[in-house]
Amino acid sequence: MVNQICIAGLVQGLTEGLHFAQKSGLDAAAVVDVIAQGAAQSWQMDNRYQTMINGQFEFGFAVDWMRKDLGMALDEARKNKAQLPVTALVDQFYGEVQRLGGGRWDTSSLLKRLQ
């Protein structure tokens, strides 16, 4: 559960960064080349930024599975009184991706809901 909580926040941050770069007219791949050398670097960035930019989401860990896992984490958080506001928000965003037909898309498909 801890792993999925962390990944959800990382993927959402990468999604927003790429979306911001694209809306600002920047070359998102060039931006990632620069920021991947610093504190923003992550496995998600290294392995998913290019497919995200290209709108390729037909592989990897599915949104349906992530929502199942985040649901378990949020249920446990209600029991142990942990506060997971970002996790709850990202879970809602994944719900939007499912409504777009992306239940089997890779979790990096969060970008799709902003396009």
PDB file of N, CA and C in Angstrom:
ATOM      1  N   MET A   1       0.826  -1.193   0.000  1.00  0.00           N
ATOM      2  CA  MET A   1       0.000   0.000   0.000  1.00  0.00           C
ATOM      3  C   MET A   1       0.870   1.256   0.000  1.00  0.00           C
ATOM      4  N   VAL A   2       1.936   1.228   0.780  1.00  0.00           N
ATOM      5  CA  VAL A   2       2.835   2.387   0.831  1.00  0.00           C
ATOM      6  C   VAL A   2       3.435   2.650  -0.546  1.00  0.00           C
ATOM      7  N   ASN A   3       3.838   1.586  -1.230  1.00  0.00           N
ATOM      8  CA  ASN A   3       4.397   1.734  -2.567  1.00  0.00           C
ATOM      9  C   ASN A   3       3.405   2.422  -3.506  1.00  0.00           C
ATOM     10  N   GLN A   4       2.169   1.971  -3.506  1.00  0.00           N
ATOM     11  CA  GLN A   4       1.174   2.533  -4.411  1.00  0.00           C
ATOM     12  C   GLN A   4       0.840   3.982  -4.048  1.00  0.00           C
ATOM     13  N   ILE A   5       0.809   4.302  -2.771  1.00  0.00           N
ATOM     14  CA  ILE A   5       0.598   5.690  -2.343  1.00  0.00           C
ATOM     15  C   ILE A   5       1.701   6.576  -2.922  1.00  0.00           C
ATOM     16  N   CYS A   6       2.948   6.125  -2.800  1.00  0.00           N
ATOM     17  CA  CYS A   6       4.078   6.911  -3.300  1.00  0.00           C
ATOM     18  C   CYS A   6       4.044   7.038  -4.814  1.00  0.00           C
ATOM     19  N   ILE A   7       3.762   5.947  -5.504  1.00  0.00           N
ATOM     20  CA  ILE A   7       3.722   5.988  -6.967  1.00  0.00           C
ATOM     21  C   ILE A   7       2.612   6.915  -7.453  1.00  0.00           C
ATOM     22  N   ALA A   8       1.448   6.853  -6.817  1.00  0.00           N
ATOM     23  CA  ALA A   8       0.326   7.707  -7.241  1.00  0.00           C
ATOM     24  C   ALA A   8       0.729   9.177  -7.223  1.00  0.00           C
ATOM     25  N   GLY A   9       1.395   9.599  -6.158  1.00  0.00           N
ATOM     26  CA  GLY A   9       1.832  10.993  -6.075  1.00  0.00           C
ATOM     27  C   GLY A   9       2.891  11.327  -7.103  1.00  0.00           C
ATOM     28  N   LEU A  10       3.834  10.406  -7.323  1.00  0.00           N
ATOM     29  CA  LEU A  10       4.889  10.641  -8.315  1.00  0.00           C
ATOM     30  C   LEU A  10       4.323  10.762  -9.726  1.00  0.00           C
ATOM     31  N   VAL A  11       3.423   9.849 -10.081  1.00  0.00           N
ATOM     32  CA  VAL A  11       2.870   9.877 -11.432  1.00  0.00           C
ATOM     33  C   VAL A  11       2.045  11.145 -11.630  1.00  0.00           C
ATOM     34  N   GLN A  12       1.296  11.553 -10.613  1.00  0.00           N
ATOM     35  CA  GLN A  12       0.516  12.785 -10.747  1.00  0.00           C
ATOM     36  C   GLN A  12       1.435  13.990 -10.912  1.00  0.00           C
ATOM     37  N   GLY A  13       2.516  14.044 -10.159  1.00  0.00           N
ATOM     38  CA  GLY A  13       3.469  15.143 -10.303  1.00  0.00           C
ATOM     39  C   GLY A  13       4.099  15.176 -11.684  1.00  0.00           C
ATOM     40  N   LEU A  14       4.507  14.009 -12.191  1.00  0.00           N
ATOM     41  CA  LEU A  14       5.080  13.930 -13.537  1.00  0.00           C
ATOM     42  C   LEU A  14       4.042  14.349 -14.574  1.00  0.00           C
ATOM     43  N   THR A  15       2.811  13.910 -14.391  1.00  0.00           N
ATOM     44  CA  THR A  15       1.726  14.279 -15.298  1.00  0.00           C
ATOM     45  C   THR A  15       1.560  15.788 -15.368  1.00  0.00           C
ATOM     46  N   GLU A  16       1.489  16.420 -14.214  1.00  0.00           N
ATOM     47  CA  GLU A  16       1.296  17.869 -14.190  1.00  0.00           C
ATOM     48  C   GLU A  16       2.496  18.596 -14.776  1.00  0.00           C
ATOM     49  N   GLY A  17       3.700  18.112 -14.498  1.00  0.00           N
ATOM     50  CA  GLY A  17       4.889  18.742 -15.053  1.00  0.00           C
ATOM     51  C   GLY A  17       4.925  18.666 -16.572  1.00  0.00           C
ATOM     52  N   LEU A  18       4.635  17.491 -17.118  1.00  0.00           N
ATOM     53  CA  LEU A  18       4.622  17.341 -18.576  1.00  0.00           C
ATOM     54  C   LEU A  18       3.513  18.175 -19.202  1.00  0.00           C
ATOM     55  N   HIS A  19       2.351  18.175 -18.578  1.00  0.00           N
ATOM     56  CA  HIS A  19       1.226  18.971 -19.081  1.00  0.00           C
ATOM     57  C   HIS A  19       1.591  20.464 -19.090  1.00  0.00           C
ATOM     58  N   PHE A  20       2.202  20.931 -18.007  1.00  0.00           N
ATOM     59  CA  PHE A  20       2.612  22.332 -17.910  1.00  0.00           C
ATOM     60  C   PHE A  20       3.642  22.664 -18.989  1.00  0.00           C
ATOM     61  N   ALA A  21       4.619  21.783 -19.168  1.00  0.00           N
ATOM     62  CA  ALA A  21       5.647  22.011 -20.195  1.00  0.00           C
ATOM     63  C   ALA A  21       5.012  22.119 -21.577  1.00  0.00           C
ATOM     64  N   GLN A  22       4.105  21.197 -21.892  1.00  0.00           N
ATOM     65  CA  GLN A  22       3.451  21.210 -23.201  1.00  0.00           C
ATOM     66  C   GLN A  22       2.610  22.473 -23.383  1.00  0.00           C
ATOM     67  N   LYS A  23       1.838  22.852 -22.382  1.00  0.00           N
ATOM     68  CA  LYS A  23       0.994  24.041 -22.480  1.00  0.00           C
ATOM     69  C   LYS A  23       1.821  25.319 -22.566  1.00  0.00           C
ATOM     70  N   SER A  24       3.052  25.255 -22.059  1.00  0.00           N
ATOM     71  CA  SER A  24       3.949  26.415 -22.110  1.00  0.00           C
ATOM     72  C   SER A  24       4.722  26.478 -23.420  1.00  0.00           C
ATOM     73  N   GLY A  25       4.481  25.520 -24.296  1.00  0.00           N
ATOM     74  CA  GLY A  25       5.163  25.510 -25.580  1.00  0.00           C
ATOM     75  C   GLY A  25       6.586  24.979 -25.516  1.00  0.00           C
ATOM     76  N   LEU A  26       6.917  24.296 -24.446  1.00  0.00           N
ATOM     77  CA  LEU A  26       8.260  23.756 -24.290  1.00  0.00           C
ATOM     78  C   LEU A  26       8.343  22.361 -24.904  1.00  0.00           C
ATOM     79  N   ASP A  27       9.526  21.966 -25.263  1.00  0.00           N
ATOM     80  CA  ASP A  27       9.789  20.600 -25.707  1.00  0.00           C
ATOM     81  C   ASP A  27       9.855  19.746 -24.441  1.00  0.00           C
ATOM     82  N   ALA A  28       8.790  18.968 -24.187  1.00  0.00           N
ATOM     83  CA  ALA A  28       8.690  18.213 -22.933  1.00  0.00           C
ATOM     84  C   ALA A  28       9.845  17.228 -22.771  1.00  0.00           C
ATOM     85  N   ALA A  29      10.277  16.608 -23.853  1.00  0.00           N
ATOM     86  CA  ALA A  29      11.394  15.671 -23.774  1.00  0.00           C
ATOM     87  C   ALA A  29      12.675  16.387 -23.356  1.00  0.00           C
ATOM     88  N   ALA A  30      12.899  17.576 -23.883  1.00  0.00           N
ATOM     89  CA  ALA A  30      14.090  18.352 -23.504  1.00  0.00           C
ATOM     90  C   ALA A  30      14.015  18.771 -22.042  1.00  0.00           C
ATOM     91  N   VAL A  31      12.825  19.132 -21.596  1.00  0.00           N
ATOM     92  CA  VAL A  31      12.643  19.495 -20.188  1.00  0.00           C
ATOM     93  C   VAL A  31      13.007  18.308 -19.301  1.00  0.00           C
ATOM     94  N   VAL A  32      12.504  17.136 -19.655  1.00  0.00           N
ATOM     95  CA  VAL A  32      12.802  15.938 -18.860  1.00  0.00           C
ATOM     96  C   VAL A  32      14.291  15.632 -18.882  1.00  0.00           C
ATOM     97  N   ASP A  33      14.954  15.811 -20.023  1.00  0.00           N
ATOM     98  CA  ASP A  33      16.399  15.587 -20.085  1.00  0.00           C
ATOM     99  C   ASP A  33      17.131  16.433 -19.043  1.00  0.00           C
ATOM    100  N   VAL A  34      16.643  17.641 -18.818  1.00  0.00           N
ATOM    101  CA  VAL A  34      17.277  18.543 -17.845  1.00  0.00           C
ATOM    102  C   VAL A  34      16.897  18.159 -16.420  1.00  0.00           C
ATOM    103  N   ILE A  35      15.602  18.042 -16.152  1.00  0.00           N
ATOM    104  CA  ILE A  35      15.184  17.831 -14.755  1.00  0.00           C
ATOM    105  C   ILE A  35      15.471  16.414 -14.262  1.00  0.00           C
ATOM    106  N   ALA A  36      15.648  15.465 -15.169  1.00  0.00           N
ATOM    107  CA  ALA A  36      15.952  14.094 -14.758  1.00  0.00           C
ATOM    108  C   ALA A  36      17.342  13.981 -14.140  1.00  0.00           C
ATOM    109  N   GLN A  37      18.149  15.016 -14.278  1.00  0.00           N
ATOM    110  CA  GLN A  37      19.483  15.026 -13.691  1.00  0.00           C
ATOM    111  C   GLN A  37      19.477  15.548 -12.257  1.00  0.00           C
ATOM    112  N   GLY A  38      18.312  15.986 -11.786  1.00  0.00           N
ATOM    113  CA  GLY A  38      18.226  16.571 -10.454  1.00  0.00           C
ATOM    114  C   GLY A  38      17.263  15.829  -9.548  1.00  0.00           C
ATOM    115  N   ALA A  39      16.728  16.549  -8.588  1.00  0.00           N
ATOM    116  CA  ALA A  39      15.895  15.962  -7.542  1.00  0.00           C
ATOM    117  C   ALA A  39      14.567  15.408  -8.057  1.00  0.00           C
ATOM    118  N   ALA A  40      14.116  15.821  -9.219  1.00  0.00           N
ATOM    119  CA  ALA A  40      12.840  15.337  -9.753  1.00  0.00           C
ATOM    120  C   ALA A  40      12.946  13.945 -10.365  1.00  0.00           C
ATOM    121  N   GLN A  41      14.155  13.448 -10.550  1.00  0.00           N
ATOM    122  CA  GLN A  41      14.361  12.158 -11.202  1.00  0.00           C
ATOM    123  C   GLN A  41      13.636  11.047 -10.460  1.00  0.00           C
ATOM    124  N   SER A  42      13.035  10.127 -11.213  1.00  0.00           N
ATOM    125  CA  SER A  42      12.372   8.960 -10.634  1.00  0.00           C
ATOM    126  C   SER A  42      12.304   7.848 -11.669  1.00  0.00           C
ATOM    127  N   TRP A  43      11.983   6.651 -11.225  1.00  0.00           N
ATOM    128  CA  TRP A  43      11.784   5.535 -12.141  1.00  0.00           C
ATOM    129  C   TRP A  43      10.667   5.860 -13.118  1.00  0.00           C
ATOM    130  N   GLN A  44       9.598   6.437 -12.618  1.00  0.00           N
ATOM    131  CA  GLN A  44       8.463   6.789 -13.464  1.00  0.00           C
ATOM    132  C   GLN A  44       8.895   7.736 -14.573  1.00  0.00           C
ATOM    133  N   MET A  45       9.687   8.732 -14.217  1.00  0.00           N
ATOM    134  CA  MET A  45      10.159   9.687 -15.220  1.00  0.00           C
ATOM    135  C   MET A  45      11.044   8.986 -16.239  1.00  0.00           C
ATOM    136  N   ASP A  46      12.003   8.232 -15.762  1.00  0.00           N
ATOM    137  CA  ASP A  46      12.936   7.564 -16.667  1.00  0.00           C
ATOM    138  C   ASP A  46      12.232   6.603 -17.628  1.00  0.00           C
ATOM    139  N   ASN A  47      11.220   5.911 -17.148  1.00  0.00           N
ATOM    140  CA  ASN A  47      10.611   4.834 -17.915  1.00  0.00           C
ATOM    141  C   ASN A  47       9.275   5.162 -18.561  1.00  0.00           C
ATOM    142  N   ARG A  48       8.665   6.300 -18.216  1.00  0.00           N
ATOM    143  CA  ARG A  48       7.340   6.569 -18.752  1.00  0.00           C
ATOM    144  C   ARG A  48       7.182   7.925 -19.452  1.00  0.00           C
ATOM    145  N   TYR A  49       8.113   8.844 -19.293  1.00  0.00           N
ATOM    146  CA  TYR A  49       7.880  10.179 -19.847  1.00  0.00           C
ATOM    147  C   TYR A  49       7.688  10.143 -21.363  1.00  0.00           C
ATOM    148  N   GLN A  50       8.501   9.344 -22.066  1.00  0.00           N
ATOM    149  CA  GLN A  50       8.416   9.335 -23.527  1.00  0.00           C
ATOM    150  C   GLN A  50       7.079   8.764 -23.994  1.00  0.00           C
ATOM    151  N   THR A  51       6.643   7.678 -23.367  1.00  0.00           N
ATOM    152  CA  THR A  51       5.354   7.103 -23.760  1.00  0.00           C
ATOM    153  C   THR A  51       4.210   8.027 -23.379  1.00  0.00           C
ATOM    154  N   MET A  52       4.356   8.739 -22.287  1.00  0.00           N
ATOM    155  CA  MET A  52       3.327   9.708 -21.895  1.00  0.00           C
ATOM    156  C   MET A  52       3.223  10.811 -22.950  1.00  0.00           C
ATOM    157  N   ILE A  53       4.358  11.355 -23.349  1.00  0.00           N
ATOM    158  CA  ILE A  53       4.385  12.417 -24.352  1.00  0.00           C
ATOM    159  C   ILE A  53       3.751  11.926 -25.665  1.00  0.00           C
ATOM    160  N   ASN A  54       3.997  10.651 -25.984  1.00  0.00           N
ATOM    161  CA  ASN A  54       3.489  10.084 -27.233  1.00  0.00           C
ATOM    162  C   ASN A  54       2.068   9.540 -27.117  1.00  0.00           C
ATOM    163  N   GLY A  55       1.465   9.647 -25.925  1.00  0.00           N
ATOM    164  CA  GLY A  55       0.097   9.170 -25.736  1.00  0.00           C
ATOM    165  C   GLY A  55      -0.033   7.659 -25.840  1.00  0.00           C
ATOM    166  N   GLN A  56       1.007   6.941 -25.424  1.00  0.00           N
ATOM    167  CA  GLN A  56       1.007   5.480 -25.471  1.00  0.00           C
ATOM    168  C   GLN A  56       0.801   4.933 -24.060  1.00  0.00           C
ATOM    169  N   PHE A  57      -0.348   4.316 -23.841  1.00  0.00           N
ATOM    170  CA  PHE A  57      -0.688   3.843 -22.499  1.00  0.00           C
ATOM    171  C   PHE A  57      -1.136   2.386 -22.479  1.00  0.00           C
ATOM    172  N   GLU A  58      -0.840   1.646 -23.523  1.00  0.00           N
ATOM    173  CA  GLU A  58      -1.354   0.281 -23.667  1.00  0.00           C
ATOM    174  C   GLU A  58      -0.402  -0.780 -23.100  1.00  0.00           C
ATOM    175  N   PHE A  59       0.161  -0.558 -21.942  1.00  0.00           N
ATOM    176  CA  PHE A  59       1.101  -1.503 -21.340  1.00  0.00           C
ATOM    177  C   PHE A  59       1.208  -1.167 -19.859  1.00  0.00           C
ATOM    178  N   GLY A  60       1.950  -1.944 -19.139  1.00  0.00           N
ATOM    179  CA  GLY A  60       2.254  -1.619 -17.754  1.00  0.00           C
ATOM    180  C   GLY A  60       1.127  -1.920 -16.780  1.00  0.00           C
ATOM    181  N   PHE A  61       1.256  -1.393 -15.592  1.00  0.00           N
ATOM    182  CA  PHE A  61       0.322  -1.638 -14.496  1.00  0.00           C
ATOM    183  C   PHE A  61      -0.968  -0.866 -14.759  1.00  0.00           C
ATOM    184  N   ALA A  62      -2.065  -1.573 -14.821  1.00  0.00           N
ATOM    185  CA  ALA A  62      -3.341  -0.996 -15.253  1.00  0.00           C
ATOM    186  C   ALA A  62      -3.981  -0.098 -14.203  1.00  0.00           C
ATOM    187  N   VAL A  63      -4.688   0.894 -14.682  1.00  0.00           N
ATOM    188  CA  VAL A  63      -5.444   1.820 -13.835  1.00  0.00           C
ATOM    189  C   VAL A  63      -6.424   1.053 -12.946  1.00  0.00           C
ATOM    190  N   ASP A  64      -7.103   0.050 -13.488  1.00  0.00           N
ATOM    191  CA  ASP A  64      -8.044  -0.740 -12.678  1.00  0.00           C
ATOM    192  C   ASP A  64      -7.350  -1.347 -11.466  1.00  0.00           C
ATOM    193  N   TRP A  65      -6.132  -1.854 -11.665  1.00  0.00           N
ATOM    194  CA  TRP A  65      -5.393  -2.458 -10.562  1.00  0.00           C
ATOM    195  C   TRP A  65      -4.941  -1.398  -9.558  1.00  0.00           C
ATOM    196  N   MET A  66      -4.532  -0.247 -10.074  1.00  0.00           N
ATOM    197  CA  MET A  66      -4.106   0.828  -9.186  1.00  0.00           C
ATOM    198  C   MET A  66      -5.273   1.299  -8.324  1.00  0.00           C
ATOM    199  N   ARG A  67      -6.457   1.423  -8.922  1.00  0.00           N
ATOM    200  CA  ARG A  67      -7.616   1.852  -8.140  1.00  0.00           C
ATOM    201  C   ARG A  67      -7.963   0.832  -7.069  1.00  0.00           C
ATOM    202  N   LYS A  68      -7.826  -0.446  -7.390  1.00  0.00           N
ATOM    203  CA  LYS A  68      -8.056  -1.488  -6.376  1.00  0.00           C
ATOM    204  C   LYS A  68      -7.076  -1.293  -5.222  1.00  0.00           C
ATOM    205  N   ASP A  69      -5.808  -1.119  -5.544  1.00  0.00           N
ATOM    206  CA  ASP A  69      -4.783  -0.962  -4.519  1.00  0.00           C
ATOM    207  C   ASP A  69      -4.972   0.321  -3.714  1.00  0.00           C
ATOM    208  N   LEU A  70      -5.268   1.422  -4.399  1.00  0.00           N
ATOM    209  CA  LEU A  70      -5.486   2.677  -3.681  1.00  0.00           C
ATOM    210  C   LEU A  70      -6.730   2.589  -2.810  1.00  0.00           C
ATOM    211  N   GLY A  71      -7.748   1.878  -3.292  1.00  0.00           N
ATOM    212  CA  GLY A  71      -8.950   1.667  -2.472  1.00  0.00           C
ATOM    213  C   GLY A  71      -8.627   0.934  -1.182  1.00  0.00           C
ATOM    214  N   MET A  72      -7.776  -0.082  -1.275  1.00  0.00           N
ATOM    215  CA  MET A  72      -7.352  -0.807  -0.074  1.00  0.00           C
ATOM    216  C   MET A  72      -6.593   0.123   0.872  1.00  0.00           C
ATOM    217  N   ALA A  73      -5.713   0.932   0.321  1.00  0.00           N
ATOM    218  CA  ALA A  73      -4.941   1.865   1.150  1.00  0.00           C
ATOM    219  C   ALA A  73      -5.862   2.892   1.814  1.00  0.00           C
ATOM    220  N   LEU A  74      -6.815   3.413   1.057  1.00  0.00           N
ATOM    221  CA  LEU A  74      -7.734   4.408   1.622  1.00  0.00           C
ATOM    222  C   LEU A  74      -8.638   3.779   2.682  1.00  0.00           C
ATOM    223  N   ASP A  75      -9.056   2.536   2.474  1.00  0.00           N
ATOM    224  CA  ASP A  75      -9.844   1.832   3.498  1.00  0.00           C
ATOM    225  C   ASP A  75      -9.036   1.665   4.776  1.00  0.00           C
ATOM    226  N   GLU A  76      -7.787   1.254   4.632  1.00  0.00           N
ATOM    227  CA  GLU A  76      -6.926   1.083   5.801  1.00  0.00           C
ATOM    228  C   GLU A  76      -6.674   2.427   6.489  1.00  0.00           C
ATOM    229  N   ALA A  77      -6.520   3.476   5.697  1.00  0.00           N
ATOM    230  CA  ALA A  77      -6.292   4.809   6.268  1.00  0.00           C
ATOM    231  C   ALA A  77      -7.499   5.257   7.105  1.00  0.00           C
ATOM    232  N   ARG A  78      -8.689   4.921   6.658  1.00  0.00           N
ATOM    233  CA  ARG A  78      -9.874   5.256   7.466  1.00  0.00           C
ATOM    234  C   ARG A  78      -9.827   4.529   8.806  1.00  0.00           C
ATOM    235  N   LYS A  79      -9.346   3.283   8.792  1.00  0.00           N
ATOM    236  CA  LYS A  79      -9.265   2.491  10.028  1.00  0.00           C
ATOM    237  C   LYS A  79      -8.183   3.008  10.962  1.00  0.00           C
ATOM    238  N   ASN A  80      -7.007   3.314  10.405  1.00  0.00           N
ATOM    239  CA  ASN A  80      -5.894   3.727  11.272  1.00  0.00           C
ATOM    240  C   ASN A  80      -5.771   5.239  11.414  1.00  0.00           C
ATOM    241  N   LYS A  81      -6.714   5.942  10.835  1.00  0.00           N
ATOM    242  CA  LYS A  81      -6.803   7.405  10.928  1.00  0.00           C
ATOM    243  C   LYS A  81      -5.635   8.136  10.262  1.00  0.00           C
ATOM    244  N   ALA A  82      -5.021   7.490   9.270  1.00  0.00           N
ATOM    245  CA  ALA A  82      -3.983   8.161   8.479  1.00  0.00           C
ATOM    246  C   ALA A  82      -4.661   9.121   7.510  1.00  0.00           C
ATOM    247  N   GLN A  83      -4.022  10.228   7.259  1.00  0.00           N
ATOM    248  CA  GLN A  83      -4.554  11.221   6.333  1.00  0.00           C
ATOM    249  C   GLN A  83      -3.839  11.085   4.992  1.00  0.00           C
ATOM    250  N   LEU A  84      -4.625  10.796   3.941  1.00  0.00           N
ATOM    251  CA  LEU A  84      -4.057  10.588   2.609  1.00  0.00           C
ATOM    252  C   LEU A  84      -4.776  11.459   1.587  1.00  0.00           C
ATOM    253  N   PRO A  85      -4.711  12.785   1.734  1.00  0.00           N
ATOM    254  CA  PRO A  85      -5.468  13.639   0.811  1.00  0.00           C
ATOM    255  C   PRO A  85      -4.995  13.569  -0.635  1.00  0.00           C
ATOM    256  N   VAL A  86      -3.707  13.461  -0.875  1.00  0.00           N
ATOM    257  CA  VAL A  86      -3.203  13.388  -2.247  1.00  0.00           C
ATOM    258  C   VAL A  86      -3.594  12.043  -2.859  1.00  0.00           C
ATOM    259  N   THR A  87      -3.469  10.987  -2.094  1.00  0.00           N
ATOM    260  CA  THR A  87      -3.856   9.661  -2.579  1.00  0.00           C
ATOM    261  C   THR A  87      -5.330   9.635  -2.959  1.00  0.00           C
ATOM    262  N   ALA A  88      -6.175  10.206  -2.122  1.00  0.00           N
ATOM    263  CA  ALA A  88      -7.610  10.244  -2.414  1.00  0.00           C
ATOM    264  C   ALA A  88      -7.891  11.036  -3.687  1.00  0.00           C
ATOM    265  N   LEU A  89      -7.191  12.135  -3.871  1.00  0.00           N
ATOM    266  CA  LEU A  89      -7.385  12.954  -5.062  1.00  0.00           C
ATOM    267  C   LEU A  89      -6.929  12.210  -6.317  1.00  0.00           C
ATOM    268  N   VAL A  90      -5.753  11.588  -6.256  1.00  0.00           N
ATOM    269  CA  VAL A  90      -5.254  10.855  -7.417  1.00  0.00           C
ATOM    270  C   VAL A  90      -6.168   9.670  -7.726  1.00  0.00           C
ATOM    271  N   ASP A  91      -6.707   9.036  -6.704  1.00  0.00           N
ATOM    272  CA  ASP A  91      -7.666   7.953  -6.933  1.00  0.00           C
ATOM    273  C   ASP A  91      -8.876   8.473  -7.712  1.00  0.00           C
ATOM    274  N   GLN A  92      -9.349   9.655  -7.374  1.00  0.00           N
ATOM    275  CA  GLN A  92     -10.455  10.266  -8.128  1.00  0.00           C
ATOM    276  C   GLN A  92     -10.036  10.519  -9.582  1.00  0.00           C
ATOM    277  N   PHE A  93      -8.818  10.985  -9.782  1.00  0.00           N
ATOM    278  CA  PHE A  93      -8.326  11.228 -11.138  1.00  0.00           C
ATOM    279  C   PHE A  93      -8.281   9.915 -11.931  1.00  0.00           C
ATOM    280  N   TYR A  94      -7.858   8.840 -11.281  1.00  0.00           N
ATOM    281  CA  TYR A  94      -7.869   7.545 -11.959  1.00  0.00           C
ATOM    282  C   TYR A  94      -9.296   7.119 -12.299  1.00  0.00           C
ATOM    283  N   GLY A  95     -10.251   7.493 -11.461  1.00  0.00           N
ATOM    284  CA  GLY A  95     -11.647   7.239 -11.791  1.00  0.00           C
ATOM    285  C   GLY A  95     -12.049   7.944 -13.073  1.00  0.00           C
ATOM    286  N   GLU A  96     -11.551   9.166 -13.267  1.00  0.00           N
ATOM    287  CA  GLU A  96     -11.820   9.892 -14.515  1.00  0.00           C
ATOM    288  C   GLU A  96     -11.215   9.163 -15.707  1.00  0.00           C
ATOM    289  N   VAL A  97     -10.006   8.626 -15.533  1.00  0.00           N
ATOM    290  CA  VAL A  97      -9.364   7.875 -16.610  1.00  0.00           C
ATOM    291  C   VAL A  97     -10.207   6.643 -16.952  1.00  0.00           C
ATOM    292  N   GLN A  98     -10.722   5.962 -15.937  1.00  0.00           N
ATOM    293  CA  GLN A  98     -11.589   4.816 -16.198  1.00  0.00           C
ATOM    294  C   GLN A  98     -12.814   5.231 -17.012  1.00  0.00           C
ATOM    295  N   ARG A  99     -13.405   6.364 -16.665  1.00  0.00           N
ATOM    296  CA  ARG A  99     -14.587   6.838 -17.392  1.00  0.00           C
ATOM    297  C   ARG A  99     -14.256   7.204 -18.839  1.00  0.00           C
ATOM    298  N   LEU A 100     -12.990   7.492 -19.116  1.00  0.00           N
ATOM    299  CA  LEU A 100     -12.539   7.745 -20.492  1.00  0.00           C
ATOM    300  C   LEU A 100     -12.303   6.437 -21.248  1.00  0.00           C
ATOM    301  N   GLY A 101     -12.506   5.322 -20.573  1.00  0.00           N
ATOM    302  CA  GLY A 101     -12.264   4.022 -21.186  1.00  0.00           C
ATOM    303  C   GLY A 101     -10.878   3.482 -20.923  1.00  0.00           C
ATOM    304  N   GLY A 102     -10.167   4.060 -19.970  1.00  0.00           N
ATOM    305  CA  GLY A 102      -8.779   3.708 -19.737  1.00  0.00           C
ATOM    306  C   GLY A 102      -8.503   2.784 -18.579  1.00  0.00           C
ATOM    307  N   GLY A 103      -9.437   1.956 -18.208  1.00  0.00           N
ATOM    308  CA  GLY A 103      -9.219   1.052 -17.086  1.00  0.00           C
ATOM    309  C   GLY A 103      -8.035   0.125 -17.257  1.00  0.00           C
ATOM    310  N   ARG A 104      -7.744  -0.265 -18.484  1.00  0.00           N
ATOM    311  CA  ARG A 104      -6.615  -1.166 -18.749  1.00  0.00           C
ATOM    312  C   ARG A 104      -5.374  -0.407 -19.205  1.00  0.00           C
ATOM    313  N   TRP A 105      -5.473   0.929 -19.308  1.00  0.00           N
ATOM    314  CA  TRP A 105      -4.289   1.721 -19.650  1.00  0.00           C
ATOM    315  C   TRP A 105      -3.293   1.685 -18.500  1.00  0.00           C
ATOM    316  N   ASP A 106      -2.052   1.954 -18.820  1.00  0.00           N
ATOM    317  CA  ASP A 106      -0.993   2.094 -17.822  1.00  0.00           C
ATOM    318  C   ASP A 106      -1.312   3.259 -16.884  1.00  0.00           C
ATOM    319  N   THR A 107      -0.819   3.179 -15.670  1.00  0.00           N
ATOM    320  CA  THR A 107      -1.101   4.230 -14.679  1.00  0.00           C
ATOM    321  C   THR A 107      -0.578   5.602 -15.092  1.00  0.00           C
ATOM    322  N   SER A 108       0.372   5.648 -16.008  1.00  0.00           N
ATOM    323  CA  SER A 108       0.863   6.945 -16.481  1.00  0.00           C
ATOM    324  C   SER A 108      -0.163   7.677 -17.337  1.00  0.00           C
ATOM    325  N   SER A 109      -1.281   7.041 -17.611  1.00  0.00           N
ATOM    326  CA  SER A 109      -2.337   7.644 -18.428  1.00  0.00           C
ATOM    327  C   SER A 109      -3.057   8.795 -17.739  1.00  0.00           C
ATOM    328  N   LEU A 110      -2.655   9.145 -16.533  1.00  0.00           N
ATOM    329  CA  LEU A 110      -3.221  10.338 -15.884  1.00  0.00           C
ATOM    330  C   LEU A 110      -3.132  11.549 -16.797  1.00  0.00           C
ATOM    331  N   LEU A 111      -2.112  11.598 -17.637  1.00  0.00           N
ATOM    332  CA  LEU A 111      -1.949  12.715 -18.567  1.00  0.00           C
ATOM    333  C   LEU A 111      -3.135  12.827 -19.517  1.00  0.00           C
ATOM    334  N   LYS A 112      -3.749  11.712 -19.860  1.00  0.00           N
ATOM    335  CA  LYS A 112      -4.852  11.683 -20.819  1.00  0.00           C
ATOM    336  C   LYS A 112      -6.033  12.532 -20.337  1.00  0.00           C
ATOM    337  N   ARG A 113      -6.286  12.560 -19.045  1.00  0.00           N
ATOM    338  CA  ARG A 113      -7.428  13.298 -18.515  1.00  0.00           C
ATOM    339  C   ARG A 113      -7.234  14.815 -18.622  1.00  0.00           C
ATOM    340  N   LEU A 114      -6.011  15.271 -18.825  1.00  0.00           N
ATOM    341  CA  LEU A 114      -5.742  16.704 -18.945  1.00  0.00           C
ATOM    342  C   LEU A 114      -5.737  17.181 -20.391  1.00  0.00           C
ATOM    343  N   GLN A 115      -5.774  16.256 -21.320  1.00  0.00           N
ATOM    344  CA  GLN A 115      -5.667  16.628 -22.742  1.00  0.00           C
ATOM    345  C   GLN A 115      -7.025  16.817 -23.380  1.00  0.00           C
TER     346      GLN A 115
END
